[in-house]
PDB file of N, CA and C in Angstrom:
ATOM      1  N   MET A   1      71.642 122.803 106.585  1.00  0.00           N
ATOM      2  CA  MET A   1      72.704 121.979 105.998  1.00  0.00           C
ATOM      3  C   MET A   1      73.934 121.467 107.032  1.00  0.00           C
ATOM      4  N   PRO A   2      74.123 120.406 107.254  1.00  0.00           N
ATOM      5  CA  PRO A   2      75.451 119.830 108.322  1.00  0.00           C
ATOM      6  C   PRO A   2      76.626 120.300 107.452  1.00  0.00           C
ATOM      7  N   LEU A   3      77.813 120.492 107.901  1.00  0.00           N
ATOM      8  CA  LEU A   3      79.031 120.699 107.303  1.00  0.00           C
ATOM      9  C   LEU A   3      79.666 119.169 107.040  1.00  0.00           C
ATOM     10  N   GLU A   4      80.271 119.028 106.046  1.00  0.00           N
ATOM     11  CA  GLU A   4      80.772 118.035 105.732  1.00  0.00           C
ATOM     12  C   GLU A   4      82.257 117.712 105.808  1.00  0.00           C
ATOM     13  N   TYR A   5      82.940 116.624 106.598  1.00  0.00           N
ATOM     14  CA  TYR A   5      84.402 116.923 106.804  1.00  0.00           C
ATOM     15  C   TYR A   5      84.898 116.204 105.736  1.00  0.00           C
ATOM     16  N   LEU A   6      85.842 116.249 105.054  1.00  0.00           N
ATOM     17  CA  LEU A   6      86.157 115.621 103.899  1.00  0.00           C
ATOM     18  C   LEU A   6      87.764 115.091 104.048  1.00  0.00           C
ATOM     19  N   GLY A   7      87.762 113.689 103.656  1.00  0.00           N
ATOM     20  CA  GLY A   7      89.378 113.196 103.968  1.00  0.00           C
ATOM     21  C   GLY A   7      89.688 112.925 105.223  1.00  0.00           C
ATOM     22  N   ALA A   8      90.642 112.206 105.499  1.00  0.00           N
ATOM     23  CA  ALA A   8      91.423 111.767 106.842  1.00  0.00           C
ATOM     24  C   ALA A   8      92.392 113.134 107.148  1.00  0.00           C
ATOM     25  N   PRO A   9      92.266 113.206 108.461  1.00  0.00           N
ATOM     26  CA  PRO A   9      93.638 114.341 109.009  1.00  0.00           C
ATOM     27  C   PRO A   9      94.702 113.623 108.050  1.00  0.00           C
ATOM     28  N   PRO A  10      95.790 114.688 107.774  1.00  0.00           N
ATOM     29  CA  PRO A  10      96.980 114.120 107.242  1.00  0.00           C
ATOM     30  C   PRO A  10      98.102 113.712 108.196  1.00  0.00           C
ATOM     31  N   LEU A  11      98.537 112.721 107.870  1.00  0.00           N
ATOM     32  CA  LEU A  11     100.101 112.439 108.615  1.00  0.00           C
ATOM     33  C   LEU A  11     101.095 113.435 108.204  1.00  0.00           C
ATOM     34  N   ALA A  12     102.068 113.799 108.803  1.00  0.00           N
ATOM     35  CA  ALA A  12     103.450 114.396 108.610  1.00  0.00           C
ATOM     36  C   ALA A  12     104.413 113.291 108.937  1.00  0.00           C
ATOM     37  N   SER A  13     105.416 113.432 108.347  1.00  0.00           N
ATOM     38  CA  SER A  13     106.578 112.708 108.070  1.00  0.00           C
ATOM     39  C   SER A  13     107.133 111.842 109.629  1.00  0.00           C
ATOM     40  N   ASP A  14     106.673 112.695 110.479  1.00  0.00           N
ATOM     41  CA  ASP A  14     106.927 112.184 112.063  1.00  0.00           C
ATOM     42  C   ASP A  14     105.961 111.456 112.458  1.00  0.00           C
ATOM     43  N   ARG A  15     104.745 111.158 111.355  1.00  0.00           N
ATOM     44  CA  ARG A  15     103.897 110.183 111.683  1.00  0.00           C
ATOM     45  C   ARG A  15     102.384 110.417 112.525  1.00  0.00           C
ATOM     46  N   GLN A  16     102.521 111.654 112.891  1.00  0.00           N
ATOM     47  CA  GLN A  16     101.496 112.333 113.942  1.00  0.00           C
ATOM     48  C   GLN A  16     100.441 112.998 113.023  1.00  0.00           C
ATOM     49  N   VAL A  17      99.423 112.476 113.639  1.00  0.00           N
ATOM     50  CA  VAL A  17      98.191 112.986 112.732  1.00  0.00           C
ATOM     51  C   VAL A  17      97.809 114.692 113.147  1.00  0.00           C
ATOM     52  N   ARG A  18      97.813 115.411 112.175  1.00  0.00           N
ATOM     53  CA  ARG A  18      97.475 116.705 111.940  1.00  0.00           C
ATOM     54  C   ARG A  18      95.951 117.255 112.385  1.00  0.00           C
ATOM     55  N   PRO A  19      96.140 117.849 113.176  1.00  0.00           N
ATOM     56  CA  PRO A  19      94.633 118.367 113.804  1.00  0.00           C
ATOM     57  C   PRO A  19      93.592 119.256 112.810  1.00  0.00           C
ATOM     58  N   PHE A  20      93.584 118.437 111.655  1.00  0.00           N
ATOM     59  CA  PHE A  20      92.493 119.621 110.693  1.00  0.00           C
ATOM     60  C   PHE A  20      92.260 118.328 109.751  1.00  0.00           C
ATOM     61  N   SER A  21      91.310 118.984 108.898  1.00  0.00           N
ATOM     62  CA  SER A  21      90.680 118.231 108.124  1.00  0.00           C
ATOM     63  C   SER A  21      91.151 118.740 106.467  1.00  0.00           C
ATOM     64  N   PRO A  22      91.112 117.907 105.699  1.00  0.00           N
ATOM     65  CA  PRO A  22      91.840 118.158 104.206  1.00  0.00           C
ATOM     66  C   PRO A  22      90.924 119.324 103.816  1.00  0.00           C
ATOM     67  N   ALA A  23      89.823 119.343 104.086  1.00  0.00           N
ATOM     68  CA  ALA A  23      88.342 120.153 103.412  1.00  0.00           C
ATOM     69  C   ALA A  23      87.383 120.093 104.008  1.00  0.00           C
ATOM     70  N   VAL A  24      86.697 120.785 104.101  1.00  0.00           N
ATOM     71  CA  VAL A  24      85.100 120.740 104.632  1.00  0.00           C
ATOM     72  C   VAL A  24      84.231 121.673 103.593  1.00  0.00           C
ATOM     73  N   ARG A  25      82.982 120.741 103.305  1.00  0.00           N
ATOM     74  CA  ARG A  25      81.915 121.240 102.646  1.00  0.00           C
ATOM     75  C   ARG A  25      80.814 121.973 103.498  1.00  0.00           C
ATOM     76  N   ALA A  26      80.607 123.124 103.203  1.00  0.00           N
ATOM     77  CA  ALA A  26      79.711 123.998 103.616  1.00  0.00           C
ATOM     78  C   ALA A  26      78.638 124.435 102.470  1.00  0.00           C
ATOM     79  N   GLY A  27      77.626 123.723 102.481  1.00  0.00           N
ATOM     80  CA  GLY A  27      76.626 123.755 101.429  1.00  0.00           C
ATOM     81  C   GLY A  27      77.432 123.368 100.165  1.00  0.00           C
ATOM     82  N   ASP A  28      77.356 124.738  99.177  1.00  0.00           N
ATOM     83  CA  ASP A  28      77.927 124.574  98.148  1.00  0.00           C
ATOM     84  C   ASP A  28      79.410 125.078  97.962  1.00  0.00           C
ATOM     85  N   PHE A  29      79.876 125.474  98.896  1.00  0.00           N
ATOM     86  CA  PHE A  29      81.393 125.913  99.216  1.00  0.00           C
ATOM     87  C   PHE A  29      82.031 124.657  99.737  1.00  0.00           C
ATOM     88  N   ILE A  30      83.368 124.790  99.153  1.00  0.00           N
ATOM     89  CA  ILE A  30      84.280 123.654  99.764  1.00  0.00           C
ATOM     90  C   ILE A  30      85.741 124.465 100.085  1.00  0.00           C
ATOM     91  N   TYR A  31      86.106 124.367 101.406  1.00  0.00           N
ATOM     92  CA  TYR A  31      86.992 125.294 101.817  1.00  0.00           C
ATOM     93  C   TYR A  31      88.169 123.824 102.161  1.00  0.00           C
ATOM     94  N   VAL A  32      89.468 124.265 101.428  1.00  0.00           N
ATOM     95  CA  VAL A  32      90.366 123.401 101.131  1.00  0.00           C
ATOM     96  C   VAL A  32      91.614 124.105 102.169  1.00  0.00           C
ATOM     97  N   SER A  33      91.760 123.202 103.106  1.00  0.00           N
ATOM     98  CA  SER A  33      93.076 123.728 104.444  1.00  0.00           C
ATOM     99  C   SER A  33      94.303 123.813 103.632  1.00  0.00           C
ATOM    100  N   GLY A  34      95.132 125.007 104.314  1.00  0.00           N
ATOM    101  CA  GLY A  34      96.305 125.100 103.433  1.00  0.00           C
ATOM    102  C   GLY A  34      97.448 124.121 103.159  1.00  0.00           C
ATOM    103  N   GLN A  35      97.760 123.712 101.770  1.00  0.00           N
ATOM    104  CA  GLN A  35      98.344 122.688 101.425  1.00  0.00           C
ATOM    105  C   GLN A  35      99.803 123.181 101.374  1.00  0.00           C
ATOM    106  N   VAL A  36     100.579 122.389 101.747  1.00  0.00           N
ATOM    107  CA  VAL A  36     102.201 122.297 101.721  1.00  0.00           C
ATOM    108  C   VAL A  36     102.753 121.592 100.664  1.00  0.00           C
ATOM    109  N   PRO A  37     103.908 121.353 100.294  1.00  0.00           N
ATOM    110  CA  PRO A  37     104.396 120.742  99.359  1.00  0.00           C
ATOM    111  C   PRO A  37     105.099 119.310  99.768  1.00  0.00           C
ATOM    112  N   VAL A  38     104.179 118.703 100.350  1.00  0.00           N
ATOM    113  CA  VAL A  38     104.351 117.222 101.082  1.00  0.00           C
ATOM    114  C   VAL A  38     103.949 116.202 100.045  1.00  0.00           C
ATOM    115  N   ASN A  39     104.890 115.004 100.007  1.00  0.00           N
ATOM    116  CA  ASN A  39     104.495 113.897  99.129  1.00  0.00           C
ATOM    117  C   ASN A  39     103.215 112.904  99.921  1.00  0.00           C
ATOM    118  N   LYS A  40     103.276 111.894  99.490  1.00  0.00           N
ATOM    119  CA  LYS A  40     102.212 110.906  99.889  1.00  0.00           C
ATOM    120  C   LYS A  40     102.987 110.364 101.465  1.00  0.00           C
ATOM    121  N   GLU A  41     104.142 110.244 101.563  1.00  0.00           N
ATOM    122  CA  GLU A  41     104.803 110.249 102.854  1.00  0.00           C
ATOM    123  C   GLU A  41     104.802 111.148 103.780  1.00  0.00           C
ATOM    124  N   GLY A  42     104.361 112.257 103.597  1.00  0.00           N
ATOM    125  CA  GLY A  42     104.348 113.276 104.476  1.00  0.00           C
ATOM    126  C   GLY A  42     105.371 114.074 104.501  1.00  0.00           C
ATOM    127  N   GLU A  43     106.436 113.854 103.299  1.00  0.00           N
ATOM    128  CA  GLU A  43     107.686 114.880 103.768  1.00  0.00           C
ATOM    129  C   GLU A  43     107.833 115.659 102.445  1.00  0.00           C
ATOM    130  N   ILE A  44     108.464 116.653 102.875  1.00  0.00           N
ATOM    131  CA  ILE A  44     108.571 118.223 101.768  1.00  0.00           C
ATOM    132  C   ILE A  44     109.409 117.778 100.841  1.00  0.00           C
ATOM    133  N   VAL A  45     108.501 117.845  99.606  1.00  0.00           N
ATOM    134  CA  VAL A  45     109.488 117.495  98.295  1.00  0.00           C
ATOM    135  C   VAL A  45     110.756 118.558  98.036  1.00  0.00           C
ATOM    136  N   ALA A  46     111.637 117.798  97.482  1.00  0.00           N
ATOM    137  CA  ALA A  46     112.922 118.611  97.416  1.00  0.00           C
ATOM    138  C   ALA A  46     112.634 119.569  95.777  1.00  0.00           C
ATOM    139  N   GLY A  47     113.731 120.419  96.003  1.00  0.00           N
ATOM    140  CA  GLY A  47     113.710 121.204  94.688  1.00  0.00           C
ATOM    141  C   GLY A  47     113.366 122.778  95.506  1.00  0.00           C
ATOM    142  N   GLY A  48     113.177 123.740  94.339  1.00  0.00           N
ATOM    143  CA  GLY A  48     112.967 125.089  94.657  1.00  0.00           C
ATOM    144  C   GLY A  48     111.253 125.166  94.680  1.00  0.00           C
ATOM    145  N   ILE A  49     111.130 126.476  94.461  1.00  0.00           N
ATOM    146  CA  ILE A  49     109.686 126.841  94.539  1.00  0.00           C
ATOM    147  C   ILE A  49     108.886 126.734  93.435  1.00  0.00           C
ATOM    148  N   GLU A  50     109.594 126.305  92.355  1.00  0.00           N
ATOM    149  CA  GLU A  50     108.819 125.793  91.142  1.00  0.00           C
ATOM    150  C   GLU A  50     108.114 124.261  91.482  1.00  0.00           C
ATOM    151  N   ALA A  51     109.211 123.271  91.993  1.00  0.00           N
ATOM    152  CA  ALA A  51     108.740 122.097  92.217  1.00  0.00           C
ATOM    153  C   ALA A  51     107.679 121.969  93.566  1.00  0.00           C
ATOM    154  N   GLN A  52     107.978 122.705  94.561  1.00  0.00           N
ATOM    155  CA  GLN A  52     107.227 123.115  95.505  1.00  0.00           C
ATOM    156  C   GLN A  52     105.742 123.337  95.184  1.00  0.00           C
ATOM    157  N   THR A  53     105.345 124.700  94.360  1.00  0.00           N
ATOM    158  CA  THR A  53     104.553 125.122  93.845  1.00  0.00           C
ATOM    159  C   THR A  53     103.753 123.872  93.119  1.00  0.00           C
ATOM    160  N   ARG A  54     104.238 123.065  92.294  1.00  0.00           N
ATOM    161  CA  ARG A  54     103.649 122.146  91.202  1.00  0.00           C
ATOM    162  C   ARG A  54     102.952 121.050  92.507  1.00  0.00           C
ATOM    163  N   GLN A  55     103.736 120.769  93.464  1.00  0.00           N
ATOM    164  CA  GLN A  55     103.439 119.702  94.252  1.00  0.00           C
ATOM    165  C   GLN A  55     102.156 120.291  95.292  1.00  0.00           C
ATOM    166  N   VAL A  56     102.419 121.479  95.827  1.00  0.00           N
ATOM    167  CA  VAL A  56     100.599 122.023  96.531  1.00  0.00           C
ATOM    168  C   VAL A  56      99.944 121.997  95.461  1.00  0.00           C
ATOM    169  N   MET A  57      99.984 122.422  94.282  1.00  0.00           N
ATOM    170  CA  MET A  57      98.865 122.706  93.231  1.00  0.00           C
ATOM    171  C   MET A  57      98.026 121.022  93.231  1.00  0.00           C
ATOM    172  N   GLU A  58      98.883 120.097  92.787  1.00  0.00           N
ATOM    173  CA  GLU A  58      98.916 118.700  92.862  1.00  0.00           C
ATOM    174  C   GLU A  58      98.010 118.068  93.871  1.00  0.00           C
ATOM    175  N   ASN A  59      98.468 118.533  95.133  1.00  0.00           N
ATOM    176  CA  ASN A  59      97.941 118.337  96.506  1.00  0.00           C
ATOM    177  C   ASN A  59      96.355 119.006  96.441  1.00  0.00           C
ATOM    178  N   ILE A  60      96.049 120.073  96.171  1.00  0.00           N
ATOM    179  CA  ILE A  60      94.880 121.138  95.952  1.00  0.00           C
ATOM    180  C   ILE A  60      94.007 120.243  95.092  1.00  0.00           C
ATOM    181  N   LYS A  61      94.578 119.796  93.886  1.00  0.00           N
ATOM    182  CA  LYS A  61      93.593 119.076  92.847  1.00  0.00           C
ATOM    183  C   LYS A  61      93.069 117.740  93.520  1.00  0.00           C
ATOM    184  N   THR A  62      94.146 116.961  94.560  1.00  0.00           N
ATOM    185  CA  THR A  62      93.633 115.614  94.966  1.00  0.00           C
ATOM    186  C   THR A  62      92.755 116.023  96.132  1.00  0.00           C
ATOM    187  N   VAL A  63      92.862 117.048  96.980  1.00  0.00           N
ATOM    188  CA  VAL A  63      91.667 117.392  97.942  1.00  0.00           C
ATOM    189  C   VAL A  63      90.423 117.856  97.219  1.00  0.00           C
ATOM    190  N   LEU A  64      90.390 118.869  96.509  1.00  0.00           N
ATOM    191  CA  LEU A  64      89.079 119.007  95.561  1.00  0.00           C
ATOM    192  C   LEU A  64      88.208 117.856  95.061  1.00  0.00           C
ATOM    193  N   ALA A  65      89.236 117.107  94.869  1.00  0.00           N
ATOM    194  CA  ALA A  65      88.301 115.814  93.952  1.00  0.00           C
ATOM    195  C   ALA A  65      87.724 114.993  95.463  1.00  0.00           C
ATOM    196  N   LEU A  66      87.912 115.098  96.491  1.00  0.00           N
ATOM    197  CA  LEU A  66      87.156 114.533  97.525  1.00  0.00           C
ATOM    198  C   LEU A  66      85.714 114.973  97.442  1.00  0.00           C
ATOM    199  N   ALA A  67      85.623 116.360  97.111  1.00  0.00           N
ATOM    200  CA  ALA A  67      84.294 116.829  96.850  1.00  0.00           C
ATOM    201  C   ALA A  67      83.751 116.954  95.438  1.00  0.00           C
ATOM    202  N   GLY A  68      84.129 116.318  94.666  1.00  0.00           N
ATOM    203  CA  GLY A  68      83.864 116.224  93.214  1.00  0.00           C
ATOM    204  C   GLY A  68      84.131 117.659  92.562  1.00  0.00           C
ATOM    205  N   ALA A  69      85.014 118.358  92.918  1.00  0.00           N
ATOM    206  CA  ALA A  69      85.592 119.449  92.409  1.00  0.00           C
ATOM    207  C   ALA A  69      86.589 119.708  91.802  1.00  0.00           C
ATOM    208  N   THR A  70      86.889 120.371  91.005  1.00  0.00           N
ATOM    209  CA  THR A  70      88.270 120.820  90.175  1.00  0.00           C
ATOM    210  C   THR A  70      88.696 121.944  90.407  1.00  0.00           C
ATOM    211  N   LEU A  71      89.826 122.368  89.821  1.00  0.00           N
ATOM    212  CA  LEU A  71      90.734 123.644  89.919  1.00  0.00           C
ATOM    213  C   LEU A  71      89.769 124.706  89.274  1.00  0.00           C
ATOM    214  N   ASP A  72      89.115 124.337  88.427  1.00  0.00           N
ATOM    215  CA  ASP A  72      87.857 125.194  87.742  1.00  0.00           C
ATOM    216  C   ASP A  72      86.764 125.438  88.883  1.00  0.00           C
ATOM    217  N   ASP A  73      86.548 124.848  89.651  1.00  0.00           N
ATOM    218  CA  ASP A  73      85.547 125.788  90.907  1.00  0.00           C
ATOM    219  C   ASP A  73      86.117 126.290  91.754  1.00  0.00           C
ATOM    220  N   VAL A  74      87.357 126.757  91.762  1.00  0.00           N
ATOM    221  CA  VAL A  74      88.045 127.365  92.981  1.00  0.00           C
ATOM    222  C   VAL A  74      87.750 128.851  92.624  1.00  0.00           C
ATOM    223  N   CYS A  75      87.347 129.729  93.622  1.00  0.00           N
ATOM    224  CA  CYS A  75      86.523 130.945  93.544  1.00  0.00           C
ATOM    225  C   CYS A  75      87.719 131.699  94.235  1.00  0.00           C
ATOM    226  N   LYS A  76      88.482 131.335  94.997  1.00  0.00           N
ATOM    227  CA  LYS A  76      89.168 132.288  95.777  1.00  0.00           C
ATOM    228  C   LYS A  76      90.639 131.478  96.489  1.00  0.00           C
ATOM    229  N   SER A  77      91.733 132.125  96.392  1.00  0.00           N
ATOM    230  CA  SER A  77      93.220 131.296  96.833  1.00  0.00           C
ATOM    231  C   SER A  77      93.748 132.105  97.579  1.00  0.00           C
ATOM    232  N   THR A  78      94.331 131.844  98.728  1.00  0.00           N
ATOM    233  CA  THR A  78      95.330 132.497  99.844  1.00  0.00           C
ATOM    234  C   THR A  78      96.970 131.874  99.307  1.00  0.00           C
ATOM    235  N   CYS A  79      97.656 132.741  99.366  1.00  0.00           N
ATOM    236  CA  CYS A  79      99.182 131.872  99.202  1.00  0.00           C
ATOM    237  C   CYS A  79     100.226 132.879  99.973  1.00  0.00           C
ATOM    238  N   TRP A  80     100.876 131.684 100.341  1.00  0.00           N
ATOM    239  CA  TRP A  80     101.898 132.301 101.432  1.00  0.00           C
ATOM    240  C   TRP A  80     103.303 132.042 100.975  1.00  0.00           C
ATOM    241  N   LEU A  81     104.102 132.835 100.568  1.00  0.00           N
ATOM    242  CA  LEU A  81     105.552 132.415 100.161  1.00  0.00           C
ATOM    243  C   LEU A  81     106.518 132.490 101.229  1.00  0.00           C
ATOM    244  N   GLN A  82     107.519 131.766 101.302  1.00  0.00           N
ATOM    245  CA  GLN A  82     108.778 132.106 102.455  1.00  0.00           C
ATOM    246  C   GLN A  82     109.452 133.149 101.978  1.00  0.00           C
ATOM    247  N   ASP A  83     109.484 133.496 101.044  1.00  0.00           N
ATOM    248  CA  ASP A  83     110.807 134.305 100.080  1.00  0.00           C
ATOM    249  C   ASP A  83     109.737 135.182  99.078  1.00  0.00           C
ATOM    250  N   ALA A  84     109.666 136.502  99.161  1.00  0.00           N
ATOM    251  CA  ALA A  84     108.844 136.993  98.232  1.00  0.00           C
ATOM    252  C   ALA A  84     109.647 137.505  97.009  1.00  0.00           C
ATOM    253  N   ARG A  85     111.013 137.089  97.055  1.00  0.00           N
ATOM    254  CA  ARG A  85     111.728 137.006  95.664  1.00  0.00           C
ATOM    255  C   ARG A  85     111.605 135.799  94.908  1.00  0.00           C
ATOM    256  N   ASP A  86     110.896 134.350  95.377  1.00  0.00           N
ATOM    257  CA  ASP A  86     110.114 133.563  94.828  1.00  0.00           C
ATOM    258  C   ASP A  86     108.876 134.051  93.982  1.00  0.00           C
ATOM    259  N   PHE A  87     108.356 135.153  94.172  1.00  0.00           N
ATOM    260  CA  PHE A  87     106.912 135.433  93.311  1.00  0.00           C
ATOM    261  C   PHE A  87     106.890 135.040  92.076  1.00  0.00           C
ATOM    262  N   GLY A  88     107.920 135.560  91.417  1.00  0.00           N
ATOM    263  CA  GLY A  88     107.970 135.341  89.710  1.00  0.00           C
ATOM    264  C   GLY A  88     108.025 133.990  89.386  1.00  0.00           C
ATOM    265  N   ALA A  89     108.852 133.073  89.871  1.00  0.00           N
ATOM    266  CA  ALA A  89     108.835 131.762  89.702  1.00  0.00           C
ATOM    267  C   ALA A  89     107.592 130.852  89.773  1.00  0.00           C
ATOM    268  N   PHE A  90     107.198 131.611  91.552  1.00  0.00           N
ATOM    269  CA  PHE A  90     105.828 130.848  92.088  1.00  0.00           C
ATOM    270  C   PHE A  90     104.354 130.971  90.876  1.00  0.00           C
ATOM    271  N   ASN A  91     104.543 132.336  90.520  1.00  0.00           N
ATOM    272  CA  ASN A  91     103.597 132.690  89.762  1.00  0.00           C
ATOM    273  C   ASN A  91     103.249 132.110  88.228  1.00  0.00           C
ATOM    274  N   ARG A  92     104.380 131.958  87.661  1.00  0.00           N
ATOM    275  CA  ARG A  92     104.583 131.524  86.450  1.00  0.00           C
ATOM    276  C   ARG A  92     103.899 129.688  86.575  1.00  0.00           C
ATOM    277  N   ILE A  93     104.301 128.947  87.970  1.00  0.00           N
ATOM    278  CA  ILE A  93     103.589 127.783  88.120  1.00  0.00           C
ATOM    279  C   ILE A  93     102.111 127.900  88.145  1.00  0.00           C
ATOM    280  N   TYR A  94     101.985 128.755  89.225  1.00  0.00           N
ATOM    281  CA  TYR A  94     100.565 128.551  89.484  1.00  0.00           C
ATOM    282  C   TYR A  94      99.783 129.100  88.214  1.00  0.00           C
ATOM    283  N   MET A  95      99.948 130.004  87.820  1.00  0.00           N
ATOM    284  CA  MET A  95      99.062 130.178  86.613  1.00  0.00           C
ATOM    285  C   MET A  95      98.966 129.209  85.834  1.00  0.00           C
ATOM    286  N   SER A  96      99.798 128.222  85.630  1.00  0.00           N
ATOM    287  CA  SER A  96      99.709 127.344  84.648  1.00  0.00           C
ATOM    288  C   SER A  96      98.585 126.364  84.950  1.00  0.00           C
ATOM    289  N   TYR A  97      98.301 126.487  85.911  1.00  0.00           N
ATOM    290  CA  TYR A  97      97.170 125.392  86.541  1.00  0.00           C
ATOM    291  C   TYR A  97      95.818 125.746  86.589  1.00  0.00           C
ATOM    292  N   PHE A  98      95.708 127.331  85.877  1.00  0.00           N
ATOM    293  CA  PHE A  98      94.186 127.749  86.039  1.00  0.00           C
ATOM    294  C   PHE A  98      94.102 127.949  84.493  1.00  0.00           C
ATOM    295  N   GLY A  99      92.765 128.063  83.861  1.00  0.00           N
ATOM    296  CA  GLY A  99      92.625 128.153  82.470  1.00  0.00           C
ATOM    297  C   GLY A  99      92.223 129.914  82.541  1.00  0.00           C
ATOM    298  N   GLU A 100      91.403 129.907  81.514  1.00  0.00           N
ATOM    299  CA  GLU A 100      91.154 131.297  81.531  1.00  0.00           C
ATOM    300  C   GLU A 100      90.303 132.273  82.572  1.00  0.00           C
ATOM    301  N   ASN A 101      89.879 131.769  83.206  1.00  0.00           N
ATOM    302  CA  ASN A 101      88.688 132.249  84.621  1.00  0.00           C
ATOM    303  C   ASN A 101      89.631 131.963  85.629  1.00  0.00           C
ATOM    304  N   LYS A 102      90.667 132.699  86.110  1.00  0.00           N
ATOM    305  CA  LYS A 102      91.566 132.882  87.271  1.00  0.00           C
ATOM    306  C   LYS A 102      90.750 133.071  88.633  1.00  0.00           C
ATOM    307  N   PRO A 103      90.961 132.496  89.781  1.00  0.00           N
ATOM    308  CA  PRO A 103      90.491 132.808  90.874  1.00  0.00           C
ATOM    309  C   PRO A 103      90.749 134.097  91.674  1.00  0.00           C
ATOM    310  N   ALA A 104      90.076 134.760  92.395  1.00  0.00           N
ATOM    311  CA  ALA A 104      90.670 135.855  92.983  1.00  0.00           C
ATOM    312  C   ALA A 104      91.675 135.422  94.021  1.00  0.00           C
ATOM    313  N   ARG A 105      92.735 136.372  94.425  1.00  0.00           N
ATOM    314  CA  ARG A 105      93.644 135.904  95.073  1.00  0.00           C
ATOM    315  C   ARG A 105      94.457 136.454  95.887  1.00  0.00           C
ATOM    316  N   SER A 106      94.993 136.427  97.170  1.00  0.00           N
ATOM    317  CA  SER A 106      95.681 136.985  97.949  1.00  0.00           C
ATOM    318  C   SER A 106      97.327 136.439  97.908  1.00  0.00           C
ATOM    319  N   THR A 107      98.305 136.957  98.112  1.00  0.00           N
ATOM    320  CA  THR A 107      99.697 136.241  98.270  1.00  0.00           C
ATOM    321  C   THR A 107     100.421 137.321  99.050  1.00  0.00           C
ATOM    322  N   THR A 108     100.929 136.680 100.135  1.00  0.00           N
ATOM    323  CA  THR A 108     101.765 137.656 100.967  1.00  0.00           C
ATOM    324  C   THR A 108     103.066 136.560 101.273  1.00  0.00           C
ATOM    325  N   GLU A 109     104.044 137.403 101.866  1.00  0.00           N
ATOM    326  CA  GLU A 109     105.428 136.569 102.256  1.00  0.00           C
ATOM    327  C   GLU A 109     105.164 136.472 103.919  1.00  0.00           C
ATOM    328  N   ALA A 110     105.509 135.265 104.423  1.00  0.00           N
ATOM    329  CA  ALA A 110     104.993 134.862 105.727  1.00  0.00           C
ATOM    330  C   ALA A 110     106.197 133.646 106.292  1.00  0.00           C
ATOM    331  N   ARG A 111     106.558 133.814 107.375  1.00  0.00           N
ATOM    332  CA  ARG A 111     107.497 132.566 107.656  1.00  0.00           C
ATOM    333  C   ARG A 111     106.596 131.487 107.841  1.00  0.00           C
ATOM    334  N   LEU A 112     106.499 130.366 107.314  1.00  0.00           N
ATOM    335  CA  LEU A 112     105.494 129.109 107.377  1.00  0.00           C
ATOM    336  C   LEU A 112     105.940 128.248 108.582  1.00  0.00           C
ATOM    337  N   MET A 113     105.054 127.649 108.819  1.00  0.00           N
ATOM    338  CA  MET A 113     105.128 126.321 109.806  1.00  0.00           C
ATOM    339  C   MET A 113     106.089 125.398 109.615  1.00  0.00           C
ATOM    340  N   VAL A 114     106.049 125.274 108.534  1.00  0.00           N
ATOM    341  CA  VAL A 114     107.017 123.747 108.158  1.00  0.00           C
ATOM    342  C   VAL A 114     108.126 124.243 107.088  1.00  0.00           C
ATOM    343  N   ASP A 115     109.244 123.758 106.996  1.00  0.00           N
ATOM    344  CA  ASP A 115     110.436 124.120 106.277  1.00  0.00           C
ATOM    345  C   ASP A 115     110.012 124.162 104.485  1.00  0.00           C
ATOM    346  N   ALA A 116     108.844 124.882 104.225  1.00  0.00           N
ATOM    347  CA  ALA A 116     108.613 124.836 102.907  1.00  0.00           C
ATOM    348  C   ALA A 116     108.421 126.132 102.355  1.00  0.00           C
ATOM    349  N   ARG A 117     108.624 126.217 101.145  1.00  0.00           N
ATOM    350  CA  ARG A 117     108.538 127.756 100.390  1.00  0.00           C
ATOM    351  C   ARG A 117     107.142 128.479  99.930  1.00  0.00           C
ATOM    352  N   VAL A 118     106.270 127.699 100.274  1.00  0.00           N
ATOM    353  CA  VAL A 118     104.883 127.942  99.838  1.00  0.00           C
ATOM    354  C   VAL A 118     104.003 127.275 100.753  1.00  0.00           C
ATOM    355  N   GLU A 119     102.799 127.924 100.781  1.00  0.00           N
ATOM    356  CA  GLU A 119     101.457 127.375 101.264  1.00  0.00           C
ATOM    357  C   GLU A 119     100.278 127.770 100.445  1.00  0.00           C
ATOM    358  N   ILE A 120      99.436 127.236 100.321  1.00  0.00           N
ATOM    359  CA  ILE A 120      98.121 127.821  99.474  1.00  0.00           C
ATOM    360  C   ILE A 120      96.726 126.999 100.075  1.00  0.00           C
ATOM    361  N   ASP A 121      96.018 127.716 100.324  1.00  0.00           N
ATOM    362  CA  ASP A 121      94.521 127.138 100.538  1.00  0.00           C
ATOM    363  C   ASP A 121      93.546 127.746  99.680  1.00  0.00           C
ATOM    364  N   VAL A 122      92.625 126.956  99.588  1.00  0.00           N
ATOM    365  CA  VAL A 122      91.549 127.650  98.242  1.00  0.00           C
ATOM    366  C   VAL A 122      90.074 127.574  98.895  1.00  0.00           C
ATOM    367  N   VAL A 123      89.230 128.313  98.255  1.00  0.00           N
ATOM    368  CA  VAL A 123      87.776 128.193  98.240  1.00  0.00           C
ATOM    369  C   VAL A 123      87.136 127.753  97.252  1.00  0.00           C
ATOM    370  N   ALA A 124      86.390 126.770  96.757  1.00  0.00           N
ATOM    371  CA  ALA A 124      85.851 126.397  95.753  1.00  0.00           C
ATOM    372  C   ALA A 124      83.970 126.232  95.692  1.00  0.00           C
ATOM    373  N   TYR A 125      83.542 126.667  94.497  1.00  0.00           N
ATOM    374  CA  TYR A 125      82.131 126.548  94.546  1.00  0.00           C
ATOM    375  C   TYR A 125      81.728 125.508  93.562  1.00  0.00           C
ATOM    376  N   LYS A 126      81.133 124.494  94.427  1.00  0.00           N
ATOM    377  CA  LYS A 126      80.469 123.362  93.445  1.00  0.00           C
ATOM    378  C   LYS A 126      79.342 122.878  94.245  1.00  0.00           C
ATOM    379  N   PRO A 127      78.241 123.476  93.543  1.00  0.00           N
ATOM    380  CA  PRO A 127      76.779 122.928  93.966  1.00  0.00           C
ATOM    381  C   PRO A 127      76.644 121.545  94.279  1.00  0.00           C
ATOM    382  N   LYS A 128      76.280 121.052  95.153  1.00  0.00           N
ATOM    383  CA  LYS A 128      76.114 119.481  95.412  1.00  0.00           C
ATOM    384  C   LYS A 128      75.088 118.760  94.789  1.00  0.00           C
ATOM    385  N   ALA A 129      75.220 117.909  93.923  1.00  0.00           N
ATOM    386  CA  ALA A 129      74.484 117.076  93.039  1.00  0.00           C
ATOM    387  C   ALA A 129      73.338 116.388  93.718  1.00  0.00           C
TER     388      ALA A 129
END
C-alpha cells in the first residue's frame, strides 16, 4: 500500500513553505508532524504554556481530521517542552484533550527550532474505511 501524504506543507510567518507534510498515512497508521503553537497565519500565538499547548492540540486535531481521525485514535505522542518547569501547566491542558484512554507518551525538555514553548507530534491508528 503506498504512502498517502496529507495536507499541504505549511507556510511560516516568513511565507516560506516548510519542507514536510502535515501528516502521512502508512496503512492504518497516521503520522502527524510535530505541531507548534502557530495560528492560521503561521505566527506563534501569544501567551504562556497553557495558550500554546491549547493551540498545538487544536492544530493536531485539524491535521488528524485530514485522515478522518480524531484524538481518540492517537496511540502515541511525543512532546517537547522548552522549559521543564512548564510541565505541570502543560500536563493539565494536555490531559484535558484526552478521554479515559490516554495514549502512550514521551515528554522531554529541549531547545525548540522556533520561538515556542511546546511541540507535539502524534501517531494515530485509524483503519482506512
